[in-house]
PDB file of N, CA and C in Angstrom:
ATOM      1  N   MET A   1       0.788  -1.362  -0.002  1.00  0.00           N
ATOM      2  CA  MET A   1       0.024  -0.024   0.008  1.00  0.00           C
ATOM      3  C   MET A   1       0.873   1.204   0.121  1.00  0.00           C
ATOM      4  N   ASN A   2       2.126   1.121   0.332  1.00  0.00           N
ATOM      5  CA  ASN A   2       3.061   2.343   0.279  1.00  0.00           C
ATOM      6  C   ASN A   2       3.288   2.828  -1.055  1.00  0.00           C
ATOM      7  N   THR A   3       2.850   2.403  -2.126  1.00  0.00           N
ATOM      8  CA  THR A   3       3.042   2.761  -3.590  1.00  0.00           C
ATOM      9  C   THR A   3       1.693   3.770  -3.802  1.00  0.00           C
ATOM     10  N   LEU A   4       0.674   3.641  -3.046  1.00  0.00           N
ATOM     11  CA  LEU A   4      -0.574   4.572  -3.356  1.00  0.00           C
ATOM     12  C   LEU A   4      -0.194   5.967  -2.964  1.00  0.00           C
ATOM     13  N   ARG A   5      -0.623   7.049  -3.910  1.00  0.00           N
ATOM     14  CA  ARG A   5      -0.307   8.364  -3.238  1.00  0.00           C
ATOM     15  C   ARG A   5      -1.126   9.089  -4.181  1.00  0.00           C
ATOM     16  N   ASN A   6      -1.163  10.413  -4.116  1.00  0.00           N
ATOM     17  CA  ASN A   6      -2.013  11.503  -4.434  1.00  0.00           C
ATOM     18  C   ASN A   6      -1.301  11.955  -5.702  1.00  0.00           C
ATOM     19  N   LYS A   7      -1.493  11.753  -6.862  1.00  0.00           N
ATOM     20  CA  LYS A   7      -0.907  11.899  -7.952  1.00  0.00           C
ATOM     21  C   LYS A   7      -1.882  11.976  -9.318  1.00  0.00           C
ATOM     22  N   VAL A   8      -1.723  13.028 -10.126  1.00  0.00           N
ATOM     23  CA  VAL A   8      -2.628  13.636 -11.054  1.00  0.00           C
ATOM     24  C   VAL A   8      -1.832  14.026 -12.111  1.00  0.00           C
ATOM     25  N   SER A   9      -2.117  13.598 -13.500  1.00  0.00           N
ATOM     26  CA  SER A   9      -1.636  14.031 -14.879  1.00  0.00           C
ATOM     27  C   SER A   9      -2.705  14.559 -15.538  1.00  0.00           C
ATOM     28  N   LEU A  10      -2.480  15.444 -16.266  1.00  0.00           N
ATOM     29  CA  LEU A  10      -3.417  16.205 -17.260  1.00  0.00           C
ATOM     30  C   LEU A  10      -2.797  16.562 -18.402  1.00  0.00           C
ATOM     31  N   ILE A  11      -3.401  16.381 -19.763  1.00  0.00           N
ATOM     32  CA  ILE A  11      -3.043  16.937 -20.896  1.00  0.00           C
ATOM     33  C   ILE A  11      -4.083  18.151 -21.306  1.00  0.00           C
ATOM     34  N   GLY A  12      -3.643  19.325 -21.374  1.00  0.00           N
ATOM     35  CA  GLY A  12      -4.827  20.376 -21.592  1.00  0.00           C
ATOM     36  C   GLY A  12      -4.050  21.552 -22.038  1.00  0.00           C
ATOM     37  N   ARG A  13      -4.893  22.580 -22.535  1.00  0.00           N
ATOM     38  CA  ARG A  13      -4.435  23.983 -22.888  1.00  0.00           C
ATOM     39  C   ARG A  13      -4.712  24.950 -21.930  1.00  0.00           C
ATOM     40  N   LEU A  14      -3.774  25.902 -21.624  1.00  0.00           N
ATOM     41  CA  LEU A  14      -3.919  26.914 -20.900  1.00  0.00           C
ATOM     42  C   LEU A  14      -4.988  28.063 -21.293  1.00  0.00           C
ATOM     43  N   GLY A  15      -5.923  28.352 -20.400  1.00  0.00           N
ATOM     44  CA  GLY A  15      -6.915  29.416 -20.802  1.00  0.00           C
ATOM     45  C   GLY A  15      -6.552  30.816 -20.758  1.00  0.00           C
ATOM     46  N   ALA A  16      -5.258  31.086 -20.085  1.00  0.00           N
ATOM     47  CA  ALA A  16      -4.920  32.513 -19.750  1.00  0.00           C
ATOM     48  C   ALA A  16      -3.341  32.403 -19.391  1.00  0.00           C
ATOM     49  N   GLN A  17      -2.589  33.684 -19.509  1.00  0.00           N
ATOM     50  CA  GLN A  17      -1.356  33.650 -19.048  1.00  0.00           C
ATOM     51  C   GLN A  17      -1.383  33.231 -17.596  1.00  0.00           C
ATOM     52  N   PRO A  18      -0.276  32.640 -17.102  1.00  0.00           N
ATOM     53  CA  PRO A  18      -0.266  32.506 -15.736  1.00  0.00           C
ATOM     54  C   PRO A  18      -0.084  33.664 -14.754  1.00  0.00           C
ATOM     55  N   GLU A  19      -0.964  33.752 -13.686  1.00  0.00           N
ATOM     56  CA  GLU A  19      -1.016  34.898 -12.872  1.00  0.00           C
ATOM     57  C   GLU A  19       0.145  34.633 -11.912  1.00  0.00           C
ATOM     58  N   ILE A  20       1.035  35.469 -11.776  1.00  0.00           N
ATOM     59  CA  ILE A  20       1.999  35.288 -10.890  1.00  0.00           C
ATOM     60  C   ILE A  20       2.223  36.183  -9.711  1.00  0.00           C
ATOM     61  N   THR A  21       2.225  35.621  -8.529  1.00  0.00           N
ATOM     62  CA  THR A  21       2.493  36.532  -7.271  1.00  0.00           C
ATOM     63  C   THR A  21       3.802  36.212  -6.710  1.00  0.00           C
ATOM     64  N   LYS A  22       4.506  37.272  -6.121  1.00  0.00           N
ATOM     65  CA  LYS A  22       5.804  37.371  -5.480  1.00  0.00           C
ATOM     66  C   LYS A  22       5.393  37.698  -4.314  1.00  0.00           C
ATOM     67  N   PHE A  23       5.721  36.911  -3.206  1.00  0.00           N
ATOM     68  CA  PHE A  23       5.748  37.179  -1.782  1.00  0.00           C
ATOM     69  C   PHE A  23       6.908  37.797  -1.285  1.00  0.00           C
ATOM     70  N   GLU A  24       6.705  38.570   0.041  1.00  0.00           N
ATOM     71  CA  GLU A  24       7.741  39.322   0.773  1.00  0.00           C
ATOM     72  C   GLU A  24       8.699  38.256   1.014  1.00  0.00           C
ATOM     73  N   SER A  25       8.377  37.205   1.331  1.00  0.00           N
ATOM     74  CA  SER A  25       9.424  36.018   1.846  1.00  0.00           C
ATOM     75  C   SER A  25      10.515  35.505   0.591  1.00  0.00           C
ATOM     76  N   GLY A  26       9.965  36.074  -0.652  1.00  0.00           N
ATOM     77  CA  GLY A  26      10.641  35.831  -1.912  1.00  0.00           C
ATOM     78  C   GLY A  26      10.347  34.702  -2.759  1.00  0.00           C
ATOM     79  N   SER A  27       9.213  33.974  -2.021  1.00  0.00           N
ATOM     80  CA  SER A  27       8.515  32.769  -2.655  1.00  0.00           C
ATOM     81  C   SER A  27       7.533  33.451  -4.013  1.00  0.00           C
ATOM     82  N   THR A  28       7.490  32.425  -4.927  1.00  0.00           N
ATOM     83  CA  THR A  28       6.820  32.920  -6.061  1.00  0.00           C
ATOM     84  C   THR A  28       5.724  31.676  -6.357  1.00  0.00           C
ATOM     85  N   LYS A  29       4.654  32.341  -6.707  1.00  0.00           N
ATOM     86  CA  LYS A  29       3.283  31.295  -7.114  1.00  0.00           C
ATOM     87  C   LYS A  29       2.939  31.790  -8.133  1.00  0.00           C
ATOM     88  N   ALA A  30       2.466  30.693  -8.952  1.00  0.00           N
ATOM     89  CA  ALA A  30       2.029  30.769 -10.187  1.00  0.00           C
ATOM     90  C   ALA A  30       0.569  30.149 -10.215  1.00  0.00           C
ATOM     91  N   ARG A  31      -0.399  30.916 -10.950  1.00  0.00           N
ATOM     92  CA  ARG A  31      -1.762  30.173 -10.899  1.00  0.00           C
ATOM     93  C   ARG A  31      -2.329  30.334 -12.246  1.00  0.00           C
ATOM     94  N   MET A  32      -3.069  29.299 -12.794  1.00  0.00           N
ATOM     95  CA  MET A  32      -3.413  29.492 -13.961  1.00  0.00           C
ATOM     96  C   MET A  32      -4.566  28.236 -14.223  1.00  0.00           C
ATOM     97  N   SER A  33      -5.514  28.335 -15.116  1.00  0.00           N
ATOM     98  CA  SER A  33      -6.571  27.482 -15.550  1.00  0.00           C
ATOM     99  C   SER A  33      -6.105  26.601 -16.894  1.00  0.00           C
ATOM    100  N   VAL A  34      -6.187  25.344 -16.584  1.00  0.00           N
ATOM    101  CA  VAL A  34      -5.923  24.325 -17.774  1.00  0.00           C
ATOM    102  C   VAL A  34      -7.308  23.727 -18.136  1.00  0.00           C
ATOM    103  N   ALA A  35      -7.732  23.581 -19.454  1.00  0.00           N
ATOM    104  CA  ALA A  35      -8.740  22.991 -19.983  1.00  0.00           C
ATOM    105  C   ALA A  35      -8.554  21.755 -20.655  1.00  0.00           C
ATOM    106  N   THR A  36      -9.280  20.643 -20.159  1.00  0.00           N
ATOM    107  CA  THR A  36      -9.282  19.441 -20.838  1.00  0.00           C
ATOM    108  C   THR A  36     -10.347  18.999 -21.660  1.00  0.00           C
ATOM    109  N   ASN A  37     -10.384  18.321 -22.556  1.00  0.00           N
ATOM    110  CA  ASN A  37     -11.605  18.071 -23.679  1.00  0.00           C
ATOM    111  C   ASN A  37     -11.610  16.549 -23.709  1.00  0.00           C
ATOM    112  N   GLU A  38     -12.960  16.114 -23.403  1.00  0.00           N
ATOM    113  CA  GLU A  38     -13.131  14.651 -23.705  1.00  0.00           C
ATOM    114  C   GLU A  38     -14.462  14.707 -24.457  1.00  0.00           C
ATOM    115  N   PRO A  39     -14.140  14.082 -25.713  1.00  0.00           N
ATOM    116  CA  PRO A  39     -15.117  14.057 -26.833  1.00  0.00           C
ATOM    117  C   PRO A  39     -16.096  12.706 -26.603  1.00  0.00           C
ATOM    118  N   TYR A  40     -17.285  12.907 -26.742  1.00  0.00           N
ATOM    119  CA  TYR A  40     -18.158  11.618 -26.710  1.00  0.00           C
ATOM    120  C   TYR A  40     -19.470  11.857 -27.721  1.00  0.00           C
ATOM    121  N   LYS A  41     -20.041  10.953 -28.126  1.00  0.00           N
ATOM    122  CA  LYS A  41     -21.275  10.887 -28.917  1.00  0.00           C
ATOM    123  C   LYS A  41     -22.647  11.057 -27.967  1.00  0.00           C
ATOM    124  N   ASN A  42     -23.289  12.118 -28.217  1.00  0.00           N
ATOM    125  CA  ASN A  42     -24.467  12.239 -27.721  1.00  0.00           C
ATOM    126  C   ASN A  42     -25.703  11.314 -28.154  1.00  0.00           C
ATOM    127  N   LYS A  43     -26.786  11.337 -27.654  1.00  0.00           N
ATOM    128  CA  LYS A  43     -27.911  10.414 -28.048  1.00  0.00           C
ATOM    129  C   LYS A  43     -28.371  10.535 -29.545  1.00  0.00           C
ATOM    130  N   GLN A  44     -27.940  11.679 -30.195  1.00  0.00           N
ATOM    131  CA  GLN A  44     -28.338  11.877 -31.287  1.00  0.00           C
ATOM    132  C   GLN A  44     -27.060  11.353 -32.428  1.00  0.00           C
ATOM    133  N   GLY A  45     -25.990  10.994 -31.884  1.00  0.00           N
ATOM    134  CA  GLY A  45     -25.001  10.442 -32.453  1.00  0.00           C
ATOM    135  C   GLY A  45     -23.791  11.287 -32.984  1.00  0.00           C
ATOM    136  N   GLU A  46     -24.017  12.516 -32.422  1.00  0.00           N
ATOM    137  CA  GLU A  46     -23.147  13.672 -32.704  1.00  0.00           C
ATOM    138  C   GLU A  46     -21.847  13.710 -31.752  1.00  0.00           C
ATOM    139  N   TRP A  47     -20.794  14.052 -32.247  1.00  0.00           N
ATOM    140  CA  TRP A  47     -19.674  14.359 -31.463  1.00  0.00           C
ATOM    141  C   TRP A  47     -19.777  15.521 -30.651  1.00  0.00           C
ATOM    142  N   VAL A  48     -19.690  15.536 -29.271  1.00  0.00           N
ATOM    143  CA  VAL A  48     -19.594  16.650 -28.525  1.00  0.00           C
ATOM    144  C   VAL A  48     -18.348  16.705 -27.676  1.00  0.00           C
ATOM    145  N   ASP A  49     -17.845  17.991 -27.333  1.00  0.00           N
ATOM    146  CA  ASP A  49     -16.649  17.962 -26.571  1.00  0.00           C
ATOM    147  C   ASP A  49     -17.092  18.270 -25.023  1.00  0.00           C
ATOM    148  N   ASN A  50     -16.618  17.689 -24.027  1.00  0.00           N
ATOM    149  CA  ASN A  50     -17.087  17.968 -22.637  1.00  0.00           C
ATOM    150  C   ASN A  50     -15.973  18.631 -22.271  1.00  0.00           C
ATOM    151  N   THR A  51     -15.792  19.978 -22.049  1.00  0.00           N
ATOM    152  CA  THR A  51     -14.459  20.787 -21.461  1.00  0.00           C
ATOM    153  C   THR A  51     -14.661  20.907 -20.093  1.00  0.00           C
ATOM    154  N   GLN A  52     -13.703  20.434 -19.230  1.00  0.00           N
ATOM    155  CA  GLN A  52     -13.389  20.523 -17.741  1.00  0.00           C
ATOM    156  C   GLN A  52     -12.352  21.631 -17.631  1.00  0.00           C
ATOM    157  N   TRP A  53     -12.556  22.532 -16.670  1.00  0.00           N
ATOM    158  CA  TRP A  53     -11.448  23.726 -16.367  1.00  0.00           C
ATOM    159  C   TRP A  53     -10.968  23.174 -14.976  1.00  0.00           C
ATOM    160  N   HIS A  54      -9.470  23.189 -14.764  1.00  0.00           N
ATOM    161  CA  HIS A  54      -8.987  22.878 -13.648  1.00  0.00           C
ATOM    162  C   HIS A  54      -8.121  23.954 -13.187  1.00  0.00           C
ATOM    163  N   THR A  55      -7.975  24.421 -11.882  1.00  0.00           N
ATOM    164  CA  THR A  55      -7.189  25.306 -11.328  1.00  0.00           C
ATOM    165  C   THR A  55      -5.923  24.666 -11.091  1.00  0.00           C
ATOM    166  N   VAL A  56      -4.912  25.254 -11.726  1.00  0.00           N
ATOM    167  CA  VAL A  56      -3.563  24.754 -11.329  1.00  0.00           C
ATOM    168  C   VAL A  56      -2.403  25.610 -10.636  1.00  0.00           C
ATOM    169  N   VAL A  57      -1.902  25.297  -9.744  1.00  0.00           N
ATOM    170  CA  VAL A  57      -1.036  26.314  -8.994  1.00  0.00           C
ATOM    171  C   VAL A  57       0.452  25.690  -8.845  1.00  0.00           C
ATOM    172  N   ALA A  58       1.362  26.515  -8.945  1.00  0.00           N
ATOM    173  CA  ALA A  58       2.864  25.910  -8.946  1.00  0.00           C
ATOM    174  C   ALA A  58       3.535  27.019  -8.116  1.00  0.00           C
ATOM    175  N   TRP A  59       4.589  26.440  -7.405  1.00  0.00           N
ATOM    176  CA  TRP A  59       5.613  27.408  -6.385  1.00  0.00           C
ATOM    177  C   TRP A  59       7.088  27.242  -6.554  1.00  0.00           C
ATOM    178  N   GLY A  60       7.678  28.187  -6.252  1.00  0.00           N
ATOM    179  CA  GLY A  60       8.949  28.347  -6.386  1.00  0.00           C
ATOM    180  C   GLY A  60       9.541  28.385  -7.576  1.00  0.00           C
ATOM    181  N   SER A  61      10.599  27.509  -7.786  1.00  0.00           N
ATOM    182  CA  SER A  61      11.302  27.571  -9.227  1.00  0.00           C
ATOM    183  C   SER A  61      10.407  27.031 -10.356  1.00  0.00           C
ATOM    184  N   THR A  62       9.568  25.987  -9.981  1.00  0.00           N
ATOM    185  CA  THR A  62       8.466  25.645 -11.125  1.00  0.00           C
ATOM    186  C   THR A  62       7.675  26.786 -11.367  1.00  0.00           C
ATOM    187  N   ALA A  63       7.037  27.510 -10.525  1.00  0.00           N
ATOM    188  CA  ALA A  63       6.274  28.762 -10.840  1.00  0.00           C
ATOM    189  C   ALA A  63       7.016  29.659 -11.770  1.00  0.00           C
ATOM    190  N   GLU A  64       8.035  29.927 -11.499  1.00  0.00           N
ATOM    191  CA  GLU A  64       9.181  30.976 -12.255  1.00  0.00           C
ATOM    192  C   GLU A  64       9.271  30.461 -13.697  1.00  0.00           C
ATOM    193  N   ARG A  65       9.560  29.180 -13.989  1.00  0.00           N
ATOM    194  CA  ARG A  65       9.738  28.625 -15.172  1.00  0.00           C
ATOM    195  C   ARG A  65       8.445  28.845 -15.931  1.00  0.00           C
ATOM    196  N   MET A  66       7.377  28.349 -15.188  1.00  0.00           N
ATOM    197  CA  MET A  66       6.048  28.423 -15.969  1.00  0.00           C
ATOM    198  C   MET A  66       5.732  29.739 -16.421  1.00  0.00           C
ATOM    199  N   ALA A  67       6.059  30.725 -15.600  1.00  0.00           N
ATOM    200  CA  ALA A  67       5.882  32.120 -15.835  1.00  0.00           C
ATOM    201  C   ALA A  67       6.666  32.794 -17.096  1.00  0.00           C
ATOM    202  N   LYS A  68       7.861  32.177 -17.226  1.00  0.00           N
ATOM    203  CA  LYS A  68       8.665  32.571 -18.462  1.00  0.00           C
ATOM    204  C   LYS A  68       8.197  31.580 -19.849  1.00  0.00           C
ATOM    205  N   LYS A  69       7.858  30.385 -19.603  1.00  0.00           N
ATOM    206  CA  LYS A  69       7.587  29.524 -20.862  1.00  0.00           C
ATOM    207  C   LYS A  69       6.236  29.652 -21.353  1.00  0.00           C
ATOM    208  N   LEU A  70       5.238  29.785 -20.328  1.00  0.00           N
ATOM    209  CA  LEU A  70       3.785  29.266 -20.846  1.00  0.00           C
ATOM    210  C   LEU A  70       3.067  30.454 -21.120  1.00  0.00           C
ATOM    211  N   ASP A  71       2.170  30.315 -22.268  1.00  0.00           N
ATOM    212  CA  ASP A  71       1.468  31.364 -22.909  1.00  0.00           C
ATOM    213  C   ASP A  71       0.072  30.679 -23.090  1.00  0.00           C
ATOM    214  N   LYS A  72      -0.945  31.454 -23.175  1.00  0.00           N
ATOM    215  CA  LYS A  72      -2.400  31.137 -23.230  1.00  0.00           C
ATOM    216  C   LYS A  72      -2.471  30.257 -24.638  1.00  0.00           C
ATOM    217  N   GLY A  73      -3.199  29.200 -24.497  1.00  0.00           N
ATOM    218  CA  GLY A  73      -3.429  28.359 -25.557  1.00  0.00           C
ATOM    219  C   GLY A  73      -2.311  27.230 -25.741  1.00  0.00           C
ATOM    220  N   LEU A  74      -1.280  27.440 -25.311  1.00  0.00           N
ATOM    221  CA  LEU A  74      -0.315  26.093 -25.055  1.00  0.00           C
ATOM    222  C   LEU A  74      -0.794  24.843 -24.768  1.00  0.00           C
ATOM    223  N   GLU A  75      -0.509  23.652 -25.284  1.00  0.00           N
ATOM    224  CA  GLU A  75      -0.845  22.554 -24.770  1.00  0.00           C
ATOM    225  C   GLU A  75       0.067  22.144 -24.068  1.00  0.00           C
ATOM    226  N   VAL A  76      -0.282  21.769 -22.732  1.00  0.00           N
ATOM    227  CA  VAL A  76       0.907  21.126 -21.523  1.00  0.00           C
ATOM    228  C   VAL A  76       0.546  19.812 -20.927  1.00  0.00           C
ATOM    229  N   VAL A  77       1.463  19.233 -20.516  1.00  0.00           N
ATOM    230  CA  VAL A  77       1.121  18.098 -19.597  1.00  0.00           C
ATOM    231  C   VAL A  77       1.670  18.427 -18.210  1.00  0.00           C
ATOM    232  N   ILE A  78       0.577  18.176 -17.266  1.00  0.00           N
ATOM    233  CA  ILE A  78       0.973  18.931 -15.844  1.00  0.00           C
ATOM    234  C   ILE A  78       0.957  17.498 -15.137  1.00  0.00           C
ATOM    235  N   GLU A  79       1.877  17.473 -14.245  1.00  0.00           N
ATOM    236  CA  GLU A  79       1.763  16.384 -13.227  1.00  0.00           C
ATOM    237  C   GLU A  79       1.857  16.887 -11.795  1.00  0.00           C
ATOM    238  N   GLY A  80       1.015  16.439 -10.912  1.00  0.00           N
ATOM    239  CA  GLY A  80       1.037  17.114  -9.772  1.00  0.00           C
ATOM    240  C   GLY A  80       0.219  16.304  -8.713  1.00  0.00           C
ATOM    241  N   ARG A  81      -0.372  17.018  -7.696  1.00  0.00           N
ATOM    242  CA  ARG A  81      -1.295  16.270  -6.599  1.00  0.00           C
ATOM    243  C   ARG A  81      -2.392  17.198  -6.498  1.00  0.00           C
ATOM    244  N   LEU A  82      -3.503  16.633  -5.872  1.00  0.00           N
ATOM    245  CA  LEU A  82      -4.768  17.234  -5.634  1.00  0.00           C
ATOM    246  C   LEU A  82      -4.502  18.144  -4.329  1.00  0.00           C
ATOM    247  N   VAL A  83      -4.906  19.152  -4.218  1.00  0.00           N
ATOM    248  CA  VAL A  83      -4.979  19.888  -2.843  1.00  0.00           C
ATOM    249  C   VAL A  83      -6.287  20.303  -2.684  1.00  0.00           C
ATOM    250  N   ASN A  84      -7.169  20.133  -1.582  1.00  0.00           N
ATOM    251  CA  ASN A  84      -8.288  20.468  -1.246  1.00  0.00           C
ATOM    252  C   ASN A  84      -8.175  21.759  -0.110  1.00  0.00           C
ATOM    253  N   ARG A  85      -8.853  22.790  -0.135  1.00  0.00           N
ATOM    254  CA  ARG A  85      -8.880  23.817   0.747  1.00  0.00           C
ATOM    255  C   ARG A  85     -10.138  24.494   1.004  1.00  0.00           C
ATOM    256  N   SER A  86     -10.447  25.144   2.041  1.00  0.00           N
ATOM    257  CA  SER A  86     -11.700  25.841   2.465  1.00  0.00           C
ATOM    258  C   SER A  86     -11.166  27.209   2.930  1.00  0.00           C
ATOM    259  N   TYR A  87     -12.002  28.118   2.628  1.00  0.00           N
ATOM    260  CA  TYR A  87     -12.043  29.544   2.806  1.00  0.00           C
ATOM    261  C   TYR A  87     -13.285  30.077   2.956  1.00  0.00           C
ATOM    262  N   GLU A  88     -13.417  31.371   3.592  1.00  0.00           N
ATOM    263  CA  GLU A  88     -14.731  32.226   3.929  1.00  0.00           C
ATOM    264  C   GLU A  88     -14.950  33.281   2.910  1.00  0.00           C
ATOM    265  N   SER A  89     -15.922  33.256   2.286  1.00  0.00           N
ATOM    266  CA  SER A  89     -16.377  34.396   1.243  1.00  0.00           C
ATOM    267  C   SER A  89     -17.690  34.953   1.556  1.00  0.00           C
ATOM    268  N   LYS A  90     -17.761  36.074   1.869  1.00  0.00           N
ATOM    269  CA  LYS A  90     -19.030  36.829   2.176  1.00  0.00           C
ATOM    270  C   LYS A  90     -19.893  35.989   3.295  1.00  0.00           C
ATOM    271  N   GLY A  91     -19.062  35.500   4.392  1.00  0.00           N
ATOM    272  CA  GLY A  91     -19.756  34.889   5.390  1.00  0.00           C
ATOM    273  C   GLY A  91     -19.984  33.522   4.827  1.00  0.00           C
ATOM    274  N   GLU A  92     -19.637  32.922   3.908  1.00  0.00           N
ATOM    275  CA  GLU A  92     -19.907  31.558   3.622  1.00  0.00           C
ATOM    276  C   GLU A  92     -18.682  30.638   3.495  1.00  0.00           C
ATOM    277  N   LYS A  93     -18.705  29.553   3.777  1.00  0.00           N
ATOM    278  CA  LYS A  93     -17.529  28.550   3.996  1.00  0.00           C
ATOM    279  C   LYS A  93     -17.681  28.196   2.367  1.00  0.00           C
ATOM    280  N   ARG A  94     -16.480  28.077   1.807  1.00  0.00           N
ATOM    281  CA  ARG A  94     -16.266  27.515   0.315  1.00  0.00           C
ATOM    282  C   ARG A  94     -15.280  26.765   0.216  1.00  0.00           C
ATOM    283  N   TYR A  95     -15.129  25.922  -0.734  1.00  0.00           N
ATOM    284  CA  TYR A  95     -14.221  24.727  -1.019  1.00  0.00           C
ATOM    285  C   TYR A  95     -13.501  24.745  -2.383  1.00  0.00           C
ATOM    286  N   SER A  96     -12.519  24.341  -2.361  1.00  0.00           N
ATOM    287  CA  SER A  96     -11.709  24.576  -3.602  1.00  0.00           C
ATOM    288  C   SER A  96     -10.715  23.434  -3.949  1.00  0.00           C
ATOM    289  N   THR A  97     -10.702  22.884  -4.960  1.00  0.00           N
ATOM    290  CA  THR A  97      -9.790  21.796  -5.335  1.00  0.00           C
ATOM    291  C   THR A  97      -8.678  22.196  -6.424  1.00  0.00           C
ATOM    292  N   GLU A  98      -7.404  22.206  -6.110  1.00  0.00           N
ATOM    293  CA  GLU A  98      -6.596  22.615  -7.034  1.00  0.00           C
ATOM    294  C   GLU A  98      -5.526  21.601  -7.345  1.00  0.00           C
ATOM    295  N   ILE A  99      -4.702  21.597  -8.421  1.00  0.00           N
ATOM    296  CA  ILE A  99      -3.545  20.834  -8.853  1.00  0.00           C
ATOM    297  C   ILE A  99      -2.363  21.741  -8.433  1.00  0.00           C
ATOM    298  N   GLU A 100      -1.595  20.876  -7.629  1.00  0.00           N
ATOM    299  CA  GLU A 100      -0.374  21.496  -7.206  1.00  0.00           C
ATOM    300  C   GLU A 100       0.833  20.915  -8.224  1.00  0.00           C
ATOM    301  N   VAL A 101       1.426  21.611  -9.048  1.00  0.00           N
ATOM    302  CA  VAL A 101       2.360  20.979  -9.873  1.00  0.00           C
ATOM    303  C   VAL A 101       3.604  20.694  -9.728  1.00  0.00           C
ATOM    304  N   ASN A 102       3.936  19.351  -9.744  1.00  0.00           N
ATOM    305  CA  ASN A 102       5.358  18.835  -9.472  1.00  0.00           C
ATOM    306  C   ASN A 102       6.255  19.226 -10.879  1.00  0.00           C
ATOM    307  N   GLU A 103       5.707  18.853 -11.922  1.00  0.00           N
ATOM    308  CA  GLU A 103       6.292  18.862 -13.128  1.00  0.00           C
ATOM    309  C   GLU A 103       5.387  19.255 -14.395  1.00  0.00           C
ATOM    310  N   PHE A 104       6.018  20.051 -15.392  1.00  0.00           N
ATOM    311  CA  PHE A 104       5.192  20.320 -16.418  1.00  0.00           C
ATOM    312  C   PHE A 104       5.985  20.142 -17.804  1.00  0.00           C
ATOM    313  N   LEU A 105       5.305  19.820 -18.888  1.00  0.00           N
ATOM    314  CA  LEU A 105       5.998  19.555 -20.188  1.00  0.00           C
ATOM    315  C   LEU A 105       5.215  20.310 -21.337  1.00  0.00           C
ATOM    316  N   ILE A 106       5.716  21.100 -21.845  1.00  0.00           N
ATOM    317  CA  ILE A 106       5.070  21.772 -23.246  1.00  0.00           C
ATOM    318  C   ILE A 106       5.210  20.816 -24.505  1.00  0.00           C
ATOM    319  N   ILE A 107       3.826  20.696 -24.869  1.00  0.00           N
ATOM    320  CA  ILE A 107       3.668  19.880 -26.132  1.00  0.00           C
ATOM    321  C   ILE A 107       3.780  20.548 -27.185  1.00  0.00           C
ATOM    322  N   THR A 108       2.946  21.831 -27.320  1.00  0.00           N
ATOM    323  CA  THR A 108       2.945  22.702 -28.457  1.00  0.00           C
ATOM    324  C   THR A 108       4.022  23.697 -28.076  1.00  0.00           C
ATOM    325  N   PRO A 109       4.876  24.070 -29.160  1.00  0.00           N
ATOM    326  CA  PRO A 109       5.995  24.986 -28.869  1.00  0.00           C
ATOM    327  C   PRO A 109       5.403  26.541 -28.929  1.00  0.00           C
ATOM    328  N   LYS A 110       6.114  27.269 -28.196  1.00  0.00           N
ATOM    329  CA  LYS A 110       5.901  28.682 -28.023  1.00  0.00           C
ATOM    330  C   LYS A 110       6.260  29.430 -29.423  1.00  0.00           C
ATOM    331  N   VAL A 111       5.473  30.059 -30.100  1.00  0.00           N
ATOM    332  CA  VAL A 111       5.584  30.419 -31.413  1.00  0.00           C
ATOM    333  C   VAL A 111       6.122  32.230 -31.071  1.00  0.00           C
ATOM    334  N   GLU A 112       7.421  32.335 -31.647  1.00  0.00           N
ATOM    335  CA  GLU A 112       7.850  33.820 -31.679  1.00  0.00           C
ATOM    336  C   GLU A 112       7.327  34.717 -32.322  1.00  0.00           C
ATOM    337  N   ASN A 113       6.951  35.889 -32.100  1.00  0.00           N
ATOM    338  CA  ASN A 113       6.528  36.837 -32.908  1.00  0.00           C
ATOM    339  C   ASN A 113       7.847  37.603 -33.453  1.00  0.00           C
ATOM    340  N   ASN A 114       7.735  37.611 -34.916  1.00  0.00           N
ATOM    341  CA  ASN A 114       9.172  38.452 -35.386  1.00  0.00           C
ATOM    342  C   ASN A 114       8.480  39.731 -36.051  1.00  0.00           C
TER     343      ASN A 114
END
């Protein structure tokens, strides 16, 4: 049972530029949304895409590398772990699930504008 652990792998596209936060402690956080698509046939026999949006968070040097290399629309592989957290908003307790990145790989290359 020691081999079981919290691990997530996604292949998807970035919905926007990563949002970067630098803290007074010197730590860096990158936050972004990644869309995954799962095609299926509906009852009418038509192909439909089921798009899911995932909140992805990275810290430290991984966050800094993501800030430099990632752009909206790029297809990426994300490997990490699920992190659940709760917070208060307007007096109500809310819950959030995020993917905390361990590694990432760009599938589509970044196109340079000349």
